Amino acid sequence: YTLTVRNTCGQPVQKVVVQVRVPKDATVSATA
């Protein structure tokens, strides 16, 4: 699954942090 974070404004944004919570019964085997 791909989540794309996009800056839609005309100025840079700093200290961008993305968090994703997955359900307890799901298993994440890799992230990139």
ModelCIF file with pLDDT and N, C-alpha, C, O atoms, coordinates in Angstrom:
data_MODEL
#
_entry.id   MODEL 
#
_entity.id                         1 
_entity.type                       polymer 
_entity.pdbx_number_of_molecules   1 
#
_entity_poly.entity_id                      1 
_entity_poly.type                           'polypeptide(L)' 
_entity_poly.nstd_linkage                   no 
_entity_poly.nstd_monomer                   no 
_entity_poly.pdbx_seq_one_letter_code       YTLTVRNTCGQPVQKVVVQVRVPKDATVSATA 
_entity_poly.pdbx_seq_one_letter_code_can   YTLTVRNTCGQPVQKVVVQVRVPKDATVSATA 
_entity_poly.pdbx_strand_id                 A 
#
loop_
_entity_poly_seq.entity_id 
_entity_poly_seq.num 
_entity_poly_seq.mon_id 
_entity_poly_seq.hetero 
1 1  TYR n 
1 2  THR n 
1 3  LEU n 
1 4  THR n 
1 5  VAL n 
1 6  ARG n 
1 7  ASN n 
1 8  THR n 
1 9  CYS n 
1 10 GLY n 
1 11 GLN n 
1 12 PRO n 
1 13 VAL n 
1 14 GLN n 
1 15 LYS n 
1 16 VAL n 
1 17 VAL n 
1 18 VAL n 
1 19 GLN n 
1 20 VAL n 
1 21 ARG n 
1 22 VAL n 
1 23 PRO n 
1 24 LYS n 
1 25 ASP n 
1 26 ALA n 
1 27 THR n 
1 28 VAL n 
1 29 SER n 
1 30 ALA n 
1 31 THR n 
1 32 ALA n 
#
_struct_asym.id          A 
_struct_asym.entity_id   1 
#
loop_
_ma_qa_metric.id 
_ma_qa_metric.mode 
_ma_qa_metric.name 
_ma_qa_metric.software_group_id 
_ma_qa_metric.type 
1 global pLDDT . pLDDT 
2 local  pLDDT . pLDDT 
#
_ma_qa_metric_global.metric_id      1 
_ma_qa_metric_global.metric_value   93.41 
_ma_qa_metric_global.model_id       1 
_ma_qa_metric_global.ordinal_id     1 
#
loop_
_ma_qa_metric_local.label_asym_id 
_ma_qa_metric_local.label_comp_id 
_ma_qa_metric_local.label_seq_id 
_ma_qa_metric_local.metric_id 
_ma_qa_metric_local.metric_value 
_ma_qa_metric_local.model_id 
_ma_qa_metric_local.ordinal_id 
A TYR 1  2 92.00 1 1  
A THR 2  2 95.00 1 2  
A LEU 3  2 94.00 1 3  
A THR 4  2 96.00 1 4  
A VAL 5  2 96.00 1 5  
A ARG 6  2 96.00 1 6  
A ASN 7  2 95.00 1 7  
A THR 8  2 93.00 1 8  
A CYS 9  2 89.00 1 9  
A GLY 10 2 88.00 1 10 
A GLN 11 2 90.00 1 11 
A PRO 12 2 92.00 1 12 
A VAL 13 2 94.00 1 13 
A GLN 14 2 95.00 1 14 
A LYS 15 2 96.00 1 15 
A VAL 16 2 97.00 1 16 
A VAL 17 2 97.00 1 17 
A VAL 18 2 97.00 1 18 
A GLN 19 2 97.00 1 19 
A VAL 20 2 96.00 1 20 
A ARG 21 2 95.00 1 21 
A VAL 22 2 92.00 1 22 
A PRO 23 2 89.00 1 23 
A LYS 24 2 87.00 1 24 
A ASP 25 2 87.00 1 25 
A ALA 26 2 89.00 1 26 
A THR 27 2 91.00 1 27 
A VAL 28 2 93.00 1 28 
A SER 29 2 94.00 1 29 
A ALA 30 2 95.00 1 30 
A THR 31 2 96.00 1 31 
A ALA 32 2 96.00 1 32 
#
loop_
_atom_site.group_PDB 
_atom_site.id 
_atom_site.type_symbol 
_atom_site.label_atom_id 
_atom_site.label_alt_id 
_atom_site.label_comp_id 
_atom_site.label_asym_id 
_atom_site.label_entity_id 
_atom_site.label_seq_id 
_atom_site.pdbx_PDB_ins_code 
_atom_site.Cartn_x 
_atom_site.Cartn_y 
_atom_site.Cartn_z 
_atom_site.occupancy 
_atom_site.B_iso_or_equiv 
_atom_site.pdbx_formal_charge 
_atom_site.auth_seq_id 
_atom_site.auth_comp_id 
_atom_site.auth_asym_id 
_atom_site.auth_atom_id 
_atom_site.pdbx_PDB_model_num 
ATOM 1   N N  . TYR A 1 1  ? 0.848  -1.187 0.000  1.00 92.00 ? 1  TYR A N  1 
ATOM 2   C CA . TYR A 1 1  ? 0.000  0.000  0.000  1.00 92.00 ? 1  TYR A CA 1 
ATOM 3   C C  . TYR A 1 1  ? 0.881  1.234  0.000  1.00 92.00 ? 1  TYR A C  1 
ATOM 4   O O  . TYR A 1 1  ? 1.904  1.277  0.684  1.00 92.00 ? 1  TYR A O  1 
ATOM 5   N N  . THR A 1 2  ? 0.485  2.232  -0.765 1.00 95.00 ? 2  THR A N  1 
ATOM 6   C CA . THR A 1 2  ? 1.247  3.471  -0.844 1.00 95.00 ? 2  THR A CA 1 
ATOM 7   C C  . THR A 1 2  ? 0.399  4.620  -0.342 1.00 95.00 ? 2  THR A C  1 
ATOM 8   O O  . THR A 1 2  ? -0.738 4.811  -0.775 1.00 95.00 ? 2  THR A O  1 
ATOM 9   N N  . LEU A 1 3  ? 0.969  5.383  0.578  1.00 94.00 ? 3  LEU A N  1 
ATOM 10  C CA . LEU A 1 3  ? 0.377  6.615  1.066  1.00 94.00 ? 3  LEU A CA 1 
ATOM 11  C C  . LEU A 1 3  ? 1.278  7.728  0.548  1.00 94.00 ? 3  LEU A C  1 
ATOM 12  O O  . LEU A 1 3  ? 2.486  7.713  0.784  1.00 94.00 ? 3  LEU A O  1 
ATOM 13  N N  . THR A 1 4  ? 0.693  8.697  -0.160 1.00 96.00 ? 4  THR A N  1 
ATOM 14  C CA . THR A 1 4  ? 1.493  9.787  -0.704 1.00 96.00 ? 4  THR A CA 1 
ATOM 15  C C  . THR A 1 4  ? 1.199  11.053 0.067  1.00 96.00 ? 4  THR A C  1 
ATOM 16  O O  . THR A 1 4  ? 0.055  11.503 0.124  1.00 96.00 ? 4  THR A O  1 
ATOM 17  N N  . VAL A 1 5  ? 2.242  11.634 0.666  1.00 96.00 ? 5  VAL A N  1 
ATOM 18  C CA . VAL A 1 5  ? 2.102  12.916 1.353  1.00 96.00 ? 5  VAL A CA 1 
ATOM 19  C C  . VAL A 1 5  ? 2.519  13.994 0.362  1.00 96.00 ? 5  VAL A C  1 
ATOM 20  O O  . VAL A 1 5  ? 3.575  13.905 -0.266 1.00 96.00 ? 5  VAL A O  1 
ATOM 21  N N  . ARG A 1 6  ? 1.664  15.025 0.230  1.00 96.00 ? 6  ARG A N  1 
ATOM 22  C CA . ARG A 1 6  ? 1.879  16.038 -0.801 1.00 96.00 ? 6  ARG A CA 1 
ATOM 23  C C  . ARG A 1 6  ? 1.743  17.431 -0.191 1.00 96.00 ? 6  ARG A C  1 
ATOM 24  O O  . ARG A 1 6  ? 0.818  17.691 0.578  1.00 96.00 ? 6  ARG A O  1 
ATOM 25  N N  . ASN A 1 7  ? 2.668  18.320 -0.537 1.00 95.00 ? 7  ASN A N  1 
ATOM 26  C CA . ASN A 1 7  ? 2.582  19.719 -0.141 1.00 95.00 ? 7  ASN A CA 1 
ATOM 27  C C  . ASN A 1 7  ? 1.827  20.446 -1.247 1.00 95.00 ? 7  ASN A C  1 
ATOM 28  O O  . ASN A 1 7  ? 2.365  20.666 -2.332 1.00 95.00 ? 7  ASN A O  1 
ATOM 29  N N  . THR A 1 8  ? 0.580  20.818 -0.968 1.00 93.00 ? 8  THR A N  1 
ATOM 30  C CA . THR A 1 8  ? -0.251 21.439 -1.996 1.00 93.00 ? 8  THR A CA 1 
ATOM 31  C C  . THR A 1 8  ? -0.129 22.956 -2.024 1.00 93.00 ? 8  THR A C  1 
ATOM 32  O O  . THR A 1 8  ? -0.725 23.602 -2.886 1.00 93.00 ? 8  THR A O  1 
ATOM 33  N N  . CYS A 1 9  ? 0.633  23.540 -1.096 1.00 89.00 ? 9  CYS A N  1 
ATOM 34  C CA . CYS A 1 9  ? 0.742  24.995 -1.066 1.00 89.00 ? 9  CYS A CA 1 
ATOM 35  C C  . CYS A 1 9  ? 1.975  25.475 -1.824 1.00 89.00 ? 9  CYS A C  1 
ATOM 36  O O  . CYS A 1 9  ? 2.773  24.670 -2.304 1.00 89.00 ? 9  CYS A O  1 
ATOM 37  N N  . GLY A 1 10 ? 2.120  26.775 -1.924 1.00 88.00 ? 10 GLY A N  1 
ATOM 38  C CA . GLY A 1 10 ? 3.212  27.378 -2.679 1.00 88.00 ? 10 GLY A CA 1 
ATOM 39  C C  . GLY A 1 10 ? 4.446  27.680 -1.856 1.00 88.00 ? 10 GLY A C  1 
ATOM 40  O O  . GLY A 1 10 ? 5.387  28.292 -2.360 1.00 88.00 ? 10 GLY A O  1 
ATOM 41  N N  . GLN A 1 11 ? 4.463  27.266 -0.603 1.00 90.00 ? 11 GLN A N  1 
ATOM 42  C CA . GLN A 1 11 ? 5.605  27.490 0.287  1.00 90.00 ? 11 GLN A CA 1 
ATOM 43  C C  . GLN A 1 11 ? 6.121  26.153 0.799  1.00 90.00 ? 11 GLN A C  1 
ATOM 44  O O  . GLN A 1 11 ? 5.343  25.206 0.921  1.00 90.00 ? 11 GLN A O  1 
ATOM 45  N N  . PRO A 1 12 ? 7.422  26.048 1.103  1.00 92.00 ? 12 PRO A N  1 
ATOM 46  C CA . PRO A 1 12 ? 7.927  24.816 1.701  1.00 92.00 ? 12 PRO A CA 1 
ATOM 47  C C  . PRO A 1 12 ? 7.315  24.619 3.095  1.00 92.00 ? 12 PRO A C  1 
ATOM 48  O O  . PRO A 1 12 ? 6.999  25.590 3.783  1.00 92.00 ? 12 PRO A O  1 
ATOM 49  N N  . VAL A 1 13 ? 7.156  23.381 3.495  1.00 94.00 ? 13 VAL A N  1 
ATOM 50  C CA . VAL A 1 13 ? 6.763  23.054 4.865  1.00 94.00 ? 13 VAL A CA 1 
ATOM 51  C C  . VAL A 1 13 ? 7.887  22.223 5.482  1.00 94.00 ? 13 VAL A C  1 
ATOM 52  O O  . VAL A 1 13 ? 8.506  21.395 4.813  1.00 94.00 ? 13 VAL A O  1 
ATOM 53  N N  . GLN A 1 14 ? 8.137  22.457 6.767  1.00 95.00 ? 14 GLN A N  1 
ATOM 54  C CA . GLN A 1 14 ? 9.240  21.799 7.449  1.00 95.00 ? 14 GLN A CA 1 
ATOM 55  C C  . GLN A 1 14 ? 8.709  20.835 8.514  1.00 95.00 ? 14 GLN A C  1 
ATOM 56  O O  . GLN A 1 14 ? 7.536  20.859 8.885  1.00 95.00 ? 14 GLN A O  1 
ATOM 57  N N  . LYS A 1 15 ? 9.617  19.995 8.981  1.00 96.00 ? 15 LYS A N  1 
ATOM 58  C CA . LYS A 1 15 ? 9.338  19.042 10.057 1.00 96.00 ? 15 LYS A CA 1 
ATOM 59  C C  . LYS A 1 15 ? 8.083  18.225 9.782  1.00 96.00 ? 15 LYS A C  1 
ATOM 60  O O  . LYS A 1 15 ? 7.240  18.042 10.660 1.00 96.00 ? 15 LYS A O  1 
ATOM 61  N N  . VAL A 1 16 ? 7.971  17.735 8.541  1.00 97.00 ? 16 VAL A N  1 
ATOM 62  C CA . VAL A 1 16 ? 6.821  16.922 8.162  1.00 97.00 ? 16 VAL A CA 1 
ATOM 63  C C  . VAL A 1 16 ? 6.985  15.533 8.773  1.00 97.00 ? 16 VAL A C  1 
ATOM 64  O O  . VAL A 1 16 ? 8.002  14.867 8.578  1.00 97.00 ? 16 VAL A O  1 
ATOM 65  N N  . VAL A 1 17 ? 5.962  15.110 9.515  1.00 97.00 ? 17 VAL A N  1 
ATOM 66  C CA . VAL A 1 17 ? 5.942  13.788 10.135 1.00 97.00 ? 17 VAL A CA 1 
ATOM 67  C C  . VAL A 1 17 ? 4.635  13.116 9.745  1.00 97.00 ? 17 VAL A C  1 
ATOM 68  O O  . VAL A 1 17 ? 3.562  13.699 9.905  1.00 97.00 ? 17 VAL A O  1 
ATOM 69  N N  . VAL A 1 18 ? 4.720  11.890 9.234  1.00 97.00 ? 18 VAL A N  1 
ATOM 70  C CA . VAL A 1 18 ? 3.541  11.116 8.856  1.00 97.00 ? 18 VAL A CA 1 
ATOM 71  C C  . VAL A 1 18 ? 3.471  9.898  9.773  1.00 97.00 ? 18 VAL A C  1 
ATOM 72  O O  . VAL A 1 18 ? 4.467  9.210  9.996  1.00 97.00 ? 18 VAL A O  1 
ATOM 73  N N  . GLN A 1 19 ? 2.269  9.648  10.301 1.00 97.00 ? 19 GLN A N  1 
ATOM 74  C CA . GLN A 1 19 ? 2.056  8.474  11.148 1.00 97.00 ? 19 GLN A CA 1 
ATOM 75  C C  . GLN A 1 19 ? 0.871  7.684  10.612 1.00 97.00 ? 19 GLN A C  1 
ATOM 76  O O  . GLN A 1 19 ? -0.122 8.260  10.165 1.00 97.00 ? 19 GLN A O  1 
ATOM 77  N N  . VAL A 1 20 ? 0.985  6.364  10.660 1.00 96.00 ? 20 VAL A N  1 
ATOM 78  C CA . VAL A 1 20 ? -0.077 5.473  10.218 1.00 96.00 ? 20 VAL A CA 1 
ATOM 79  C C  . VAL A 1 20 ? -0.301 4.424  11.296 1.00 96.00 ? 20 VAL A C  1 
ATOM 80  O O  . VAL A 1 20 ? 0.638  3.767  11.745 1.00 96.00 ? 20 VAL A O  1 
ATOM 81  N N  . ARG A 1 21 ? -1.565 4.275  11.706 1.00 95.00 ? 21 ARG A N  1 
ATOM 82  C CA . ARG A 1 21 ? -1.933 3.226  12.660 1.00 95.00 ? 21 ARG A CA 1 
ATOM 83  C C  . ARG A 1 21 ? -2.631 2.112  11.875 1.00 95.00 ? 21 ARG A C  1 
ATOM 84  O O  . ARG A 1 21 ? -3.602 2.352  11.158 1.00 95.00 ? 21 ARG A O  1 
ATOM 85  N N  . VAL A 1 22 ? -2.115 0.894  12.027 1.00 92.00 ? 22 VAL A N  1 
ATOM 86  C CA . VAL A 1 22 ? -2.736 -0.259 11.384 1.00 92.00 ? 22 VAL A CA 1 
ATOM 87  C C  . VAL A 1 22 ? -3.488 -1.066 12.435 1.00 92.00 ? 22 VAL A C  1 
ATOM 88  O O  . VAL A 1 22 ? -3.134 -1.012 13.612 1.00 92.00 ? 22 VAL A O  1 
ATOM 89  N N  . PRO A 1 23 ? -4.515 -1.812 12.041 1.00 89.00 ? 23 PRO A N  1 
ATOM 90  C CA . PRO A 1 23 ? -5.255 -2.625 13.002 1.00 89.00 ? 23 PRO A CA 1 
ATOM 91  C C  . PRO A 1 23 ? -4.361 -3.667 13.672 1.00 89.00 ? 23 PRO A C  1 
ATOM 92  O O  . PRO A 1 23 ? -3.357 -4.099 13.105 1.00 89.00 ? 23 PRO A O  1 
ATOM 93  N N  . LYS A 1 24 ? -4.738 -4.060 14.876 1.00 87.00 ? 24 LYS A N  1 
ATOM 94  C CA . LYS A 1 24 ? -3.920 -5.005 15.651 1.00 87.00 ? 24 LYS A CA 1 
ATOM 95  C C  . LYS A 1 24 ? -3.756 -6.358 14.977 1.00 87.00 ? 24 LYS A C  1 
ATOM 96  O O  . LYS A 1 24 ? -2.732 -7.015 15.158 1.00 87.00 ? 24 LYS A O  1 
ATOM 97  N N  . ASP A 1 25 ? -4.761 -6.789 14.193 1.00 87.00 ? 25 ASP A N  1 
ATOM 98  C CA . ASP A 1 25 ? -4.658 -8.103 13.551 1.00 87.00 ? 25 ASP A CA 1 
ATOM 99  C C  . ASP A 1 25 ? -3.885 -8.070 12.232 1.00 87.00 ? 25 ASP A C  1 
ATOM 100 O O  . ASP A 1 25 ? -3.682 -9.119 11.621 1.00 87.00 ? 25 ASP A O  1 
ATOM 101 N N  . ALA A 1 26 ? -3.453 -6.906 11.784 1.00 89.00 ? 26 ALA A N  1 
ATOM 102 C CA . ALA A 1 26 ? -2.651 -6.782 10.558 1.00 89.00 ? 26 ALA A CA 1 
ATOM 103 C C  . ALA A 1 26 ? -1.173 -6.885 10.908 1.00 89.00 ? 26 ALA A C  1 
ATOM 104 O O  . ALA A 1 26 ? -0.743 -6.481 11.988 1.00 89.00 ? 26 ALA A O  1 
ATOM 105 N N  . THR A 1 27 ? -0.411 -7.433 9.975  1.00 91.00 ? 27 THR A N  1 
ATOM 106 C CA . THR A 1 27 ? 1.032  -7.576 10.158 1.00 91.00 ? 27 THR A CA 1 
ATOM 107 C C  . THR A 1 27 ? 1.759  -6.786 9.088  1.00 91.00 ? 27 THR A C  1 
ATOM 108 O O  . THR A 1 27 ? 1.572  -7.030 7.896  1.00 91.00 ? 27 THR A O  1 
ATOM 109 N N  . VAL A 1 28 ? 2.589  -5.838 9.509  1.00 93.00 ? 28 VAL A N  1 
ATOM 110 C CA . VAL A 1 28 ? 3.402  -5.055 8.568  1.00 93.00 ? 28 VAL A CA 1 
ATOM 111 C C  . VAL A 1 28 ? 4.766  -5.724 8.482  1.00 93.00 ? 28 VAL A C  1 
ATOM 112 O O  . VAL A 1 28 ? 5.475  -5.840 9.482  1.00 93.00 ? 28 VAL A O  1 
ATOM 113 N N  . SER A 1 29 ? 5.126  -6.162 7.285  1.00 94.00 ? 29 SER A N  1 
ATOM 114 C CA . SER A 1 29 ? 6.402  -6.858 7.111  1.00 94.00 ? 29 SER A CA 1 
ATOM 115 C C  . SER A 1 29 ? 7.501  -5.960 6.558  1.00 94.00 ? 29 SER A C  1 
ATOM 116 O O  . SER A 1 29 ? 8.682  -6.289 6.662  1.00 94.00 ? 29 SER A O  1 
ATOM 117 N N  . ALA A 1 30 ? 7.116  -4.819 5.966  1.00 95.00 ? 30 ALA A N  1 
ATOM 118 C CA . ALA A 1 30 ? 8.130  -3.913 5.408  1.00 95.00 ? 30 ALA A CA 1 
ATOM 119 C C  . ALA A 1 30 ? 7.541  -2.522 5.248  1.00 95.00 ? 30 ALA A C  1 
ATOM 120 O O  . ALA A 1 30 ? 6.336  -2.355 5.060  1.00 95.00 ? 30 ALA A O  1 
ATOM 121 N N  . THR A 1 31 ? 8.414  -1.529 5.325  1.00 96.00 ? 31 THR A N  1 
ATOM 122 C CA . THR A 1 31 ? 8.064  -0.145 5.023  1.00 96.00 ? 31 THR A CA 1 
ATOM 123 C C  . THR A 1 31 ? 9.176  0.448  4.176  1.00 96.00 ? 31 THR A C  1 
ATOM 124 O O  . THR A 1 31 ? 10.339 0.069  4.314  1.00 96.00 ? 31 THR A O  1 
ATOM 125 N N  . ALA A 1 32 ? 8.818  1.378  3.299  1.00 96.00 ? 32 ALA A N  1 
ATOM 126 C CA . ALA A 1 32 ? 9.824  2.038  2.474  1.00 96.00 ? 32 ALA A CA 1 
ATOM 127 C C  . ALA A 1 32 ? 9.394  3.480  2.247  1.00 96.00 ? 32 ALA A C  1 
ATOM 128 O O  . ALA A 1 32 ? 10.095 4.235  1.573  1.00 96.00 ? 32 ALA A O  1 
#
